N, C-alpha and C. Protein backbone atom coordinates (compact mmCIF):
# COMPACT_ATOMS: atom_id res chain seq x y z
N UNK A 1 165.34 15.32 248.39
CA UNK A 1 164.52 16.29 247.00
C UNK A 1 165.99 17.23 246.46
N UNK A 2 166.57 16.90 245.47
CA UNK A 2 167.52 17.77 244.55
C UNK A 2 167.84 19.23 245.28
N UNK A 3 168.68 19.86 245.70
CA UNK A 3 168.45 21.60 246.14
C UNK A 3 169.33 22.08 245.68
N UNK A 4 169.45 23.78 245.39
CA UNK A 4 170.21 24.93 245.13
C UNK A 4 170.23 25.93 245.60
N UNK A 5 170.87 26.84 245.77
CA UNK A 5 170.21 28.50 246.07
C UNK A 5 171.34 28.79 244.73
N UNK A 6 169.63 29.94 244.80
CA UNK A 6 170.13 30.70 243.22
C UNK A 6 169.71 31.78 243.13
N UNK A 7 170.38 32.92 242.52
CA UNK A 7 169.75 33.86 241.93
C UNK A 7 168.60 33.98 240.73
N UNK A 8 167.80 34.46 241.12
CA UNK A 8 166.73 34.31 240.00
C UNK A 8 166.59 35.65 239.00
N UNK A 9 166.35 35.77 237.96
CA UNK A 9 166.31 37.29 237.29
C UNK A 9 164.31 37.31 236.93
N UNK A 10 164.92 38.64 236.24
CA UNK A 10 163.55 38.83 235.60
C UNK A 10 163.19 38.53 234.37
N UNK A 11 162.03 37.82 234.04
CA UNK A 11 161.72 37.81 232.33
C UNK A 11 162.65 38.55 231.55
N UNK A 12 162.94 40.04 231.38
CA UNK A 12 162.82 41.00 230.64
C UNK A 12 164.65 40.72 231.27
N UNK A 13 164.93 40.39 231.92
CA UNK A 13 166.61 39.29 231.98
C UNK A 13 166.85 38.38 231.02
N UNK A 14 165.67 37.88 231.08
CA UNK A 14 166.06 35.72 230.77
C UNK A 14 165.52 36.42 228.84
N UNK A 15 164.92 37.55 228.82
CA UNK A 15 164.58 37.33 227.66
C UNK A 15 165.87 37.82 226.53
N UNK A 16 166.60 38.64 227.05
CA UNK A 16 167.68 39.52 226.71
C UNK A 16 169.16 37.85 226.56
N UNK A 17 168.99 36.80 227.51
CA UNK A 17 169.65 36.07 227.59
C UNK A 17 169.86 34.87 226.62
N UNK A 18 168.22 34.78 226.76
CA UNK A 18 167.57 33.61 225.57
C UNK A 18 167.99 33.70 224.22
N UNK A 19 168.31 35.45 224.05
CA UNK A 19 168.31 36.13 222.13
C UNK A 19 169.74 35.61 221.89
N UNK A 20 170.65 34.87 222.85
CA UNK A 20 171.88 35.08 222.53
C UNK A 20 171.69 33.09 222.04
N UNK A 21 171.07 32.04 221.72
CA UNK A 21 171.06 30.80 221.47
C UNK A 21 170.83 31.46 220.06
N UNK A 22 172.35 30.36 219.66
CA UNK A 22 172.93 30.17 218.28
C UNK A 22 173.19 28.80 217.84
N UNK A 23 172.68 28.21 216.65
CA UNK A 23 172.72 26.93 216.57
C UNK A 23 174.24 26.34 216.67
N UNK A 24 174.34 25.31 217.42
CA UNK A 24 175.82 25.49 217.72
C UNK A 24 175.62 23.78 217.51
N UNK A 25 176.13 22.97 216.98
CA UNK A 25 176.34 21.36 216.98
C UNK A 25 176.24 20.77 218.61
N UNK A 26 175.64 20.03 219.16
CA UNK A 26 175.93 19.47 220.44
C UNK A 26 175.07 20.04 221.47
N UNK A 27 174.76 21.47 221.19
CA UNK A 27 174.37 22.16 222.36
C UNK A 27 173.62 22.05 222.79
N UNK A 28 173.06 21.94 224.24
CA UNK A 28 171.48 22.24 225.03
C UNK A 28 171.62 23.26 225.26
N UNK A 29 171.07 23.88 225.24
CA UNK A 29 170.60 25.23 225.98
C UNK A 29 168.72 25.37 226.81
N UNK A 30 169.89 26.23 227.32
CA UNK A 30 168.63 26.35 228.65
C UNK A 30 167.81 26.93 228.57
N UNK A 31 166.25 26.35 229.24
CA UNK A 31 165.22 26.78 228.76
C UNK A 31 165.34 28.29 229.72
N UNK A 32 164.70 29.23 229.22
CA UNK A 32 164.77 30.90 229.82
C UNK A 32 163.92 30.68 231.52
N UNK A 33 162.68 29.82 231.57
CA UNK A 33 162.76 29.84 232.91
C UNK A 33 163.93 29.19 234.26
N UNK A 34 164.98 28.03 233.29
CA UNK A 34 165.57 28.02 234.19
C UNK A 34 167.13 29.10 234.21
N UNK A 35 167.19 29.84 233.99
CA UNK A 35 168.09 30.77 233.90
C UNK A 35 168.00 31.13 235.13
N UNK A 36 169.57 31.11 235.98
CA UNK A 36 169.57 31.30 236.95
C UNK A 36 171.21 31.71 237.41
N UNK A 37 171.59 31.83 238.79
CA UNK A 37 173.21 32.41 239.14
C UNK A 37 173.07 31.35 240.64
N UNK A 38 173.91 30.33 240.20
CA UNK A 38 173.73 29.13 241.76
C UNK A 38 175.27 30.40 242.48
N UNK A 39 174.45 30.39 243.67
CA UNK A 39 175.13 30.41 244.81
C UNK A 39 175.70 29.21 245.68
N UNK A 40 174.55 28.17 245.78
CA UNK A 40 175.21 26.89 246.04
C UNK A 40 174.53 25.95 245.57
N UNK A 41 175.25 24.61 245.20
CA UNK A 41 174.43 23.80 244.95
C UNK A 41 174.39 22.60 246.22
N UNK A 42 173.28 22.05 246.97
CA UNK A 42 173.68 20.79 248.16
C UNK A 42 172.99 19.25 247.85
N UNK A 43 172.63 19.40 246.43
CA UNK A 43 173.05 17.80 245.85
C UNK A 43 171.24 17.33 246.57
N UNK A 44 171.18 15.90 246.74
CA UNK A 44 170.01 15.07 247.13
C UNK A 44 170.21 14.88 248.41
N UNK A 45 168.76 15.92 249.36
CA UNK A 45 168.82 16.09 251.06
C UNK A 45 167.24 15.85 251.36
N UNK A 46 167.04 15.85 252.30
CA UNK A 46 166.09 15.71 253.18
C UNK A 46 165.55 16.50 254.02
N UNK A 47 166.67 17.34 254.31
CA UNK A 47 166.15 18.35 255.17
C UNK A 47 166.11 20.26 254.89
N UNK A 48 165.05 19.76 253.93
CA UNK A 48 164.33 21.62 253.39
C UNK A 48 164.26 22.21 254.85
N UNK A 49 163.96 21.68 255.78
CA UNK A 49 163.29 22.79 257.11
C UNK A 49 164.38 23.75 257.58
N UNK A 50 165.21 22.74 257.75
CA UNK A 50 166.30 23.14 257.96
C UNK A 50 167.39 24.18 257.32
N UNK A 51 166.98 23.36 255.97
CA UNK A 51 168.34 24.66 255.18
C UNK A 51 167.42 25.70 255.24
N UNK A 52 165.85 26.05 254.97
CA UNK A 52 165.14 27.42 255.00
C UNK A 52 165.48 28.36 256.25
N UNK A 53 165.68 27.26 257.63
CA UNK A 53 166.01 27.85 258.40
C UNK A 53 167.20 28.63 258.69
N UNK A 54 167.59 28.05 258.38
CA UNK A 54 169.84 28.50 257.63
C UNK A 54 169.51 29.85 256.87
N UNK A 55 168.87 29.54 255.89
CA UNK A 55 169.05 30.51 254.36
C UNK A 55 168.22 32.00 255.35
N UNK A 56 167.08 31.71 255.72
CA UNK A 56 166.84 32.61 256.65
C UNK A 56 167.61 33.89 257.71
N UNK A 57 168.60 33.14 257.64
CA UNK A 57 169.94 33.72 258.71
C UNK A 57 170.40 34.60 258.39
N UNK A 58 171.02 34.37 256.72
CA UNK A 58 171.49 35.27 255.61
C UNK A 58 171.18 36.80 256.28
N UNK A 59 171.90 37.85 256.39
CA UNK A 59 171.61 39.08 256.06
C UNK A 59 172.30 40.12 255.25
N UNK A 60 172.45 39.69 253.90
CA UNK A 60 173.01 40.28 253.37
C UNK A 60 172.16 41.26 252.81
N UNK A 61 172.98 42.37 252.60
CA UNK A 61 172.55 43.46 251.69
C UNK A 61 171.70 43.33 249.93
N UNK A 62 170.89 44.54 249.71
CA UNK A 62 170.62 44.35 247.96
C UNK A 62 171.76 44.83 247.30
N UNK A 63 171.88 44.42 246.02
CA UNK A 63 172.93 44.74 245.74
C UNK A 63 172.09 45.21 244.17
N UNK A 64 173.43 45.84 243.25
CA UNK A 64 173.03 45.80 241.89
C UNK A 64 173.84 44.73 240.91
N UNK A 65 174.05 44.15 239.69
CA UNK A 65 174.47 43.64 239.61
C UNK A 65 174.86 43.38 237.54
N UNK A 66 175.51 43.79 237.74
CA UNK A 66 175.73 43.90 235.59
C UNK A 66 175.84 42.34 234.75
N UNK A 67 175.14 42.27 234.30
CA UNK A 67 175.38 40.63 233.19
C UNK A 67 176.66 41.13 232.14
N UNK A 68 178.23 40.71 231.97
CA UNK A 68 178.97 40.75 231.04
C UNK A 68 179.30 40.27 230.34
N UNK A 69 179.47 40.20 229.06
CA UNK A 69 180.66 39.20 228.16
C UNK A 69 180.14 37.44 228.59
N UNK A 70 180.36 36.58 227.41
CA UNK A 70 180.46 35.45 227.36
C UNK A 70 181.90 34.78 227.40
N UNK A 71 181.62 33.10 227.75
CA UNK A 71 182.67 32.75 227.99
C UNK A 71 182.18 31.18 227.75
N UNK A 72 182.95 30.18 228.50
CA UNK A 72 182.85 28.64 228.25
C UNK A 72 184.01 28.04 229.26
N UNK A 73 183.27 26.89 229.41
CA UNK A 73 184.12 25.88 230.32
C UNK A 73 184.23 25.04 229.98
N UNK A 74 185.67 24.27 229.49
CA UNK A 74 186.58 24.73 230.78
C UNK A 74 187.54 25.67 229.83
N UNK A 75 188.20 27.05 230.36
CA UNK A 75 188.68 28.37 229.89
C UNK A 75 189.30 27.69 228.68
N UNK A 76 190.18 26.37 228.74
CA UNK A 76 191.89 26.23 227.61
C UNK A 76 190.90 26.51 226.49
N UNK A 77 191.84 26.78 226.09
CA UNK A 77 190.86 26.38 224.33
C UNK A 77 191.51 25.07 223.60
N UNK A 78 192.27 24.25 224.06
CA UNK A 78 192.69 23.12 224.49
C UNK A 78 191.67 21.93 224.25
N UNK A 79 191.16 22.18 224.95
CA UNK A 79 190.04 21.10 225.71
C UNK A 79 188.41 21.73 225.01
N UNK A 80 187.49 20.81 224.85
CA UNK A 80 187.04 20.73 224.34
C UNK A 80 185.39 21.36 225.13
N UNK A 81 184.96 22.18 224.64
CA UNK A 81 183.71 23.46 225.45
C UNK A 81 182.83 22.34 226.25
N UNK A 82 182.05 22.71 227.54
CA UNK A 82 181.50 21.64 227.87
C UNK A 82 180.13 22.90 228.19
N UNK A 83 180.21 23.90 228.40
CA UNK A 83 179.51 25.11 228.94
C UNK A 83 179.65 26.17 228.44
N UNK A 84 178.15 26.69 228.26
CA UNK A 84 178.42 28.28 227.49
C UNK A 84 177.73 28.86 228.54
N UNK A 85 178.56 30.34 229.02
CA UNK A 85 177.87 30.94 230.02
C UNK A 85 177.95 32.35 229.76
N UNK A 86 177.56 33.30 230.78
CA UNK A 86 177.20 34.75 231.04
C UNK A 86 178.15 34.92 232.64
N UNK A 87 178.53 35.67 231.94
CA UNK A 87 179.84 36.36 233.25
C UNK A 87 178.54 37.49 234.47
N UNK A 88 179.52 37.68 235.70
CA UNK A 88 178.70 39.22 235.85
C UNK A 88 179.86 39.98 236.04
N UNK A 89 179.59 41.57 235.82
CA UNK A 89 180.56 42.40 236.55
C UNK A 89 181.10 41.70 237.93
N UNK A 90 181.96 42.46 238.56
CA UNK A 90 182.42 41.99 239.85
C UNK A 90 181.68 42.77 240.68
N UNK A 91 181.59 42.38 241.49
CA UNK A 91 180.60 43.57 242.90
C UNK A 91 180.82 42.52 244.14
N UNK A 92 180.87 43.20 244.84
CA UNK A 92 181.96 42.81 246.57
C UNK A 92 180.29 42.23 247.41
N UNK A 93 179.29 42.40 246.79
CA UNK A 93 178.15 42.24 247.73
C UNK A 93 177.22 41.44 247.02
N UNK A 94 177.21 40.48 245.80
CA UNK A 94 177.50 39.15 245.56
C UNK A 94 178.42 38.10 246.47
N UNK A 95 179.42 38.80 246.54
CA UNK A 95 180.19 37.94 247.49
C UNK A 95 180.17 37.63 248.59
N UNK A 96 179.61 38.67 248.52
CA UNK A 96 178.99 38.56 250.36
C UNK A 96 178.02 37.72 250.48
N UNK A 97 177.38 37.61 249.98
CA UNK A 97 175.87 37.19 249.33
C UNK A 97 176.40 35.40 249.40
N UNK A 98 177.17 35.23 248.89
CA UNK A 98 177.53 33.89 248.69
C UNK A 98 178.41 33.22 249.80
N UNK A 99 179.08 33.82 250.42
CA UNK A 99 179.74 33.97 251.66
C UNK A 99 178.98 33.79 252.85
N UNK A 100 178.06 34.00 253.28
CA UNK A 100 176.82 33.94 254.12
C UNK A 100 176.16 32.59 253.72
N UNK A 101 175.81 32.77 252.38
CA UNK A 101 175.06 31.46 252.37
C UNK A 101 175.86 30.04 252.72
N UNK A 102 177.06 30.29 252.49
CA UNK A 102 177.88 29.06 252.19
C UNK A 102 178.23 28.71 253.67
N UNK A 103 178.41 29.85 254.77
CA UNK A 103 178.62 29.84 256.31
C UNK A 103 177.13 29.66 256.67
N UNK A 104 175.97 29.88 256.26
CA UNK A 104 174.98 29.57 257.25
C UNK A 104 174.77 27.66 256.63
N UNK A 105 174.92 27.76 255.91
CA UNK A 105 174.36 26.50 255.06
C UNK A 105 176.11 25.65 255.97
N UNK A 106 176.86 25.85 255.91
CA UNK A 106 177.95 25.55 256.90
C UNK A 106 178.06 24.86 258.47
N UNK A 107 176.94 25.96 258.64
CA UNK A 107 176.53 25.57 260.27
C UNK A 107 175.69 24.87 260.41
N UNK A 108 175.23 23.36 259.17
CA UNK A 108 174.36 22.33 259.81
C UNK A 108 174.81 22.07 258.40
N UNK A 109 176.15 21.74 258.48
CA UNK A 109 176.86 20.55 258.09
C UNK A 109 177.01 20.28 256.22
N UNK A 110 176.74 21.41 255.76
CA UNK A 110 176.92 21.27 253.84
C UNK A 110 177.93 22.07 253.75
N UNK A 111 179.17 20.86 253.47
CA UNK A 111 180.25 21.28 252.76
C UNK A 111 180.48 22.20 252.09
N UNK A 112 180.56 23.17 252.32
CA UNK A 112 181.86 24.73 250.86
C UNK A 112 181.73 23.99 249.23
N UNK A 113 181.82 24.12 248.16
CA UNK A 113 182.65 23.55 247.15
C UNK A 113 183.87 23.79 247.73
N UNK A 114 185.12 22.61 246.60
CA UNK A 114 185.93 22.39 247.05
C UNK A 114 186.81 23.42 245.79
N UNK A 115 186.33 24.22 245.12
CA UNK A 115 186.49 25.23 243.65
C UNK A 115 185.98 26.84 244.32
N UNK A 116 186.94 27.88 244.21
CA UNK A 116 186.39 28.90 243.95
C UNK A 116 184.76 29.56 243.46
N UNK A 117 184.44 30.47 244.20
CA UNK A 117 183.04 30.76 243.66
C UNK A 117 183.27 31.64 241.97
N UNK A 118 182.79 30.98 241.53
CA UNK A 118 182.88 31.22 239.87
C UNK A 118 181.76 32.13 239.38
N UNK A 119 181.03 32.93 239.97
CA UNK A 119 179.75 33.41 239.21
C UNK A 119 178.99 33.58 237.97
N UNK A 120 178.35 33.20 237.48
CA UNK A 120 178.22 32.87 236.30
C UNK A 120 176.97 32.73 235.64
N UNK A 121 176.07 32.57 234.92
CA UNK A 121 174.71 32.25 234.10
C UNK A 121 175.23 30.94 233.07
N UNK A 122 174.63 29.89 232.94
CA UNK A 122 174.94 29.04 232.29
C UNK A 122 173.46 28.91 230.70
N UNK A 123 174.57 28.95 230.23
CA UNK A 123 173.65 29.02 228.79
C UNK A 123 173.19 27.79 228.06
N UNK A 124 174.30 27.22 227.91
CA UNK A 124 174.29 26.38 227.37
C UNK A 124 175.38 24.86 227.55
N UNK A 125 174.61 23.60 227.30
CA UNK A 125 175.56 22.56 228.09
C UNK A 125 175.82 21.81 226.22
N UNK A 126 177.23 21.30 225.96
CA UNK A 126 177.53 20.87 225.19
C UNK A 126 178.27 19.68 225.23
N UNK A 127 178.00 18.79 224.55
CA UNK A 127 178.41 17.74 224.61
C UNK A 127 179.53 16.76 223.55
N UNK A 128 180.59 17.25 223.15
CA UNK A 128 181.76 16.88 222.17
C UNK A 128 183.06 16.50 222.82
N UNK A 129 183.82 15.81 221.91
CA UNK A 129 185.25 15.75 221.75
C UNK A 129 186.39 16.72 221.52
N UNK A 130 185.45 17.18 220.52
CA UNK A 130 186.37 17.75 219.82
C UNK A 130 185.94 19.37 219.80
N UNK A 131 187.18 20.04 219.63
CA UNK A 131 186.80 21.81 219.98
C UNK A 131 185.73 21.88 218.21
N UNK A 132 184.91 22.90 218.53
CA UNK A 132 183.70 23.61 217.31
C UNK A 132 184.07 25.11 217.61
N UNK A 133 184.59 24.87 215.34
CA UNK A 133 184.31 26.65 215.60
C UNK A 133 183.36 27.30 215.45
N UNK A 134 181.89 26.65 215.62
CA UNK A 134 181.37 27.54 216.05
C UNK A 134 180.69 28.38 217.65
N UNK A 135 181.27 27.64 218.38
CA UNK A 135 181.59 28.19 219.76
C UNK A 135 182.76 28.97 220.09
N UNK A 136 184.08 28.78 218.78
CA UNK A 136 184.55 30.37 219.19
C UNK A 136 183.91 31.29 218.53
N UNK A 137 182.66 31.25 217.28
CA UNK A 137 182.16 32.61 216.45
C UNK A 137 181.15 33.00 217.66
N UNK A 138 180.72 31.79 217.94
CA UNK A 138 179.36 32.65 218.97
C UNK A 138 180.38 33.49 220.53
N UNK A 139 181.51 32.80 220.67
CA UNK A 139 182.23 33.70 221.79
C UNK A 139 182.73 34.66 221.35
N UNK A 140 183.06 35.75 219.91
CA UNK A 140 183.38 36.38 218.67
C UNK A 140 182.01 37.87 219.00
N UNK A 141 181.61 37.03 218.48
CA UNK A 141 180.31 37.42 217.66
C UNK A 141 179.56 38.05 219.26
N UNK A 142 179.48 37.40 220.55
CA UNK A 142 178.19 37.81 222.10
C UNK A 142 179.49 38.49 222.85
N UNK A 143 180.67 38.46 222.79
CA UNK A 143 181.63 39.05 223.61
C UNK A 143 181.69 40.02 224.59
N UNK A 144 181.32 41.34 223.37
CA UNK A 144 180.25 42.27 224.15
C UNK A 144 179.28 42.38 224.58
N UNK A 145 178.86 41.45 224.98
CA UNK A 145 177.69 41.14 225.55
C UNK A 145 177.52 41.73 226.90
N UNK A 146 176.26 42.48 227.30
CA UNK A 146 176.17 43.38 228.75
C UNK A 146 174.77 44.07 228.90
N UNK A 147 174.29 43.16 230.05
CA UNK A 147 173.41 43.63 230.47
C UNK A 147 173.84 45.08 231.64
N UNK A 148 173.16 46.33 231.73
CA UNK A 148 173.31 47.16 232.89
C UNK A 148 172.70 46.56 234.22
N UNK A 149 173.32 46.82 234.98
CA UNK A 149 173.47 46.73 236.33
C UNK A 149 171.82 46.29 236.86
N UNK A 150 171.06 45.15 237.06
CA UNK A 150 170.23 44.96 237.33
C UNK A 150 170.15 45.14 239.19
N UNK A 151 168.66 45.27 239.49
CA UNK A 151 168.32 45.21 241.53
C UNK A 151 168.16 43.65 241.28
N UNK A 152 169.67 43.56 242.36
CA UNK A 152 169.43 41.62 243.43
C UNK A 152 168.26 42.32 244.45
N UNK A 153 167.40 41.51 244.82
CA UNK A 153 166.79 41.92 245.80
C UNK A 153 166.08 41.01 247.02
N UNK A 154 166.04 39.85 246.17
CA UNK A 154 165.74 38.24 247.03
C UNK A 154 167.02 36.89 246.32
N UNK A 155 167.23 35.88 246.82
CA UNK A 155 168.15 34.73 246.06
C UNK A 155 166.93 33.76 246.54
N UNK A 156 166.72 32.55 245.81
CA UNK A 156 166.26 31.55 246.26
C UNK A 156 166.31 30.17 246.34
N UNK A 157 165.85 29.37 246.98
CA UNK A 157 166.06 28.61 247.54
C UNK A 157 165.08 26.65 246.38
N UNK A 158 165.87 26.61 245.26
CA UNK A 158 165.19 25.54 244.83
C UNK A 158 165.07 24.14 244.20
N UNK A 159 164.05 23.77 244.20
CA UNK A 159 164.50 21.87 244.13
C UNK A 159 164.09 21.77 242.37
N UNK A 160 164.83 20.80 242.34
CA UNK A 160 165.22 20.64 240.96
C UNK A 160 165.41 18.87 240.67
N UNK A 161 163.86 18.53 239.90
CA UNK A 161 163.42 17.17 239.79
C UNK A 161 163.93 16.74 237.81
N UNK A 162 164.92 15.88 238.03
CA UNK A 162 165.72 15.23 236.79
C UNK A 162 164.94 14.43 236.08
N UNK A 163 164.37 14.91 234.37
CA UNK A 163 163.35 13.48 233.82
C UNK A 163 163.77 13.78 232.43
N UNK A 164 163.11 13.00 232.08
CA UNK A 164 163.75 12.19 230.40
C UNK A 164 163.74 13.90 229.60
N UNK A 165 163.23 14.58 229.90
CA UNK A 165 162.62 15.92 229.06
C UNK A 165 163.81 17.18 229.82
N UNK A 166 164.79 16.53 230.99
CA UNK A 166 165.57 18.07 231.41
C UNK A 166 165.26 17.96 232.77
N UNK A 167 165.66 19.01 233.26
CA UNK A 167 165.34 19.65 234.48
C UNK A 167 164.52 20.48 234.97
N UNK A 168 163.37 19.95 235.67
CA UNK A 168 162.34 21.20 236.34
C UNK A 168 162.27 21.79 237.49
N UNK A 169 162.57 23.34 237.65
CA UNK A 169 162.78 23.79 239.17
C UNK A 169 161.75 24.10 239.22
N UNK A 170 161.76 23.96 240.66
CA UNK A 170 161.05 24.73 241.86
C UNK A 170 161.03 25.94 242.87
N UNK A 171 160.34 26.77 242.92
CA UNK A 171 161.09 28.09 244.10
C UNK A 171 160.33 26.73 245.49
N UNK A 172 160.99 26.94 245.95
CA UNK A 172 161.19 26.60 247.83
C UNK A 172 160.72 27.25 248.55
N UNK A 173 161.35 28.08 248.22
CA UNK A 173 161.83 29.27 249.19
C UNK A 173 162.20 30.62 249.13
N UNK A 174 161.80 31.72 249.29
CA UNK A 174 162.65 32.67 248.42
C UNK A 174 162.72 33.89 249.96
N UNK A 175 163.87 34.28 249.92
CA UNK A 175 164.75 35.05 250.71
C UNK A 175 164.94 36.78 250.54
N UNK A 176 164.72 37.35 251.21
CA UNK A 176 164.63 38.93 250.66
C UNK A 176 166.20 39.78 251.64
N UNK A 177 166.35 39.89 250.75
CA UNK A 177 167.70 41.29 251.15
C UNK A 177 167.47 42.03 251.53
N UNK A 178 168.29 42.58 252.53
CA UNK A 178 167.89 43.99 253.48
C UNK A 178 168.21 45.44 252.91
N UNK A 179 167.56 45.75 252.90
CA UNK A 179 167.33 47.29 252.29
C UNK A 179 168.65 47.95 253.31
N UNK A 180 169.12 48.81 252.28
CA UNK A 180 170.41 49.66 253.18
C UNK A 180 169.51 50.59 254.17
């Protein structure tokens, strides 16, 4: 099964993110029920029980997280955009959670990603080889987008099933963050 670890958001937050959708050629907008912030992508594995056991050892505190601004990957304007996203305010507790998740998964043989942690929520994927003026318009229009700090009380182990209609995510396990 294809697995990843993420922070899920309430319906109210997903409603706000969903309202950012605008007509952009080639954009495939993420369905609201699939919006999340990835902490670790594990890929295809049959080690569900080992992963659940490892993630249960994470002892990170609850925290609040503000969503702020929109952006694109790659960031360089000369390259065609592939991803539109919403970023988050800098939050040491999010970094701590990511580090702990990475550490416990590393203990059972899952290598950490070789790129820095860049927390974001993917809004859309684009298939284009050319710059799109609609992307610049989107970034300018929603550059000040903000969701005030929301409580983060848990993280989730998701499975992802790919189909011609797109990916379908299932919650495999939920892990509660510690109260202070």
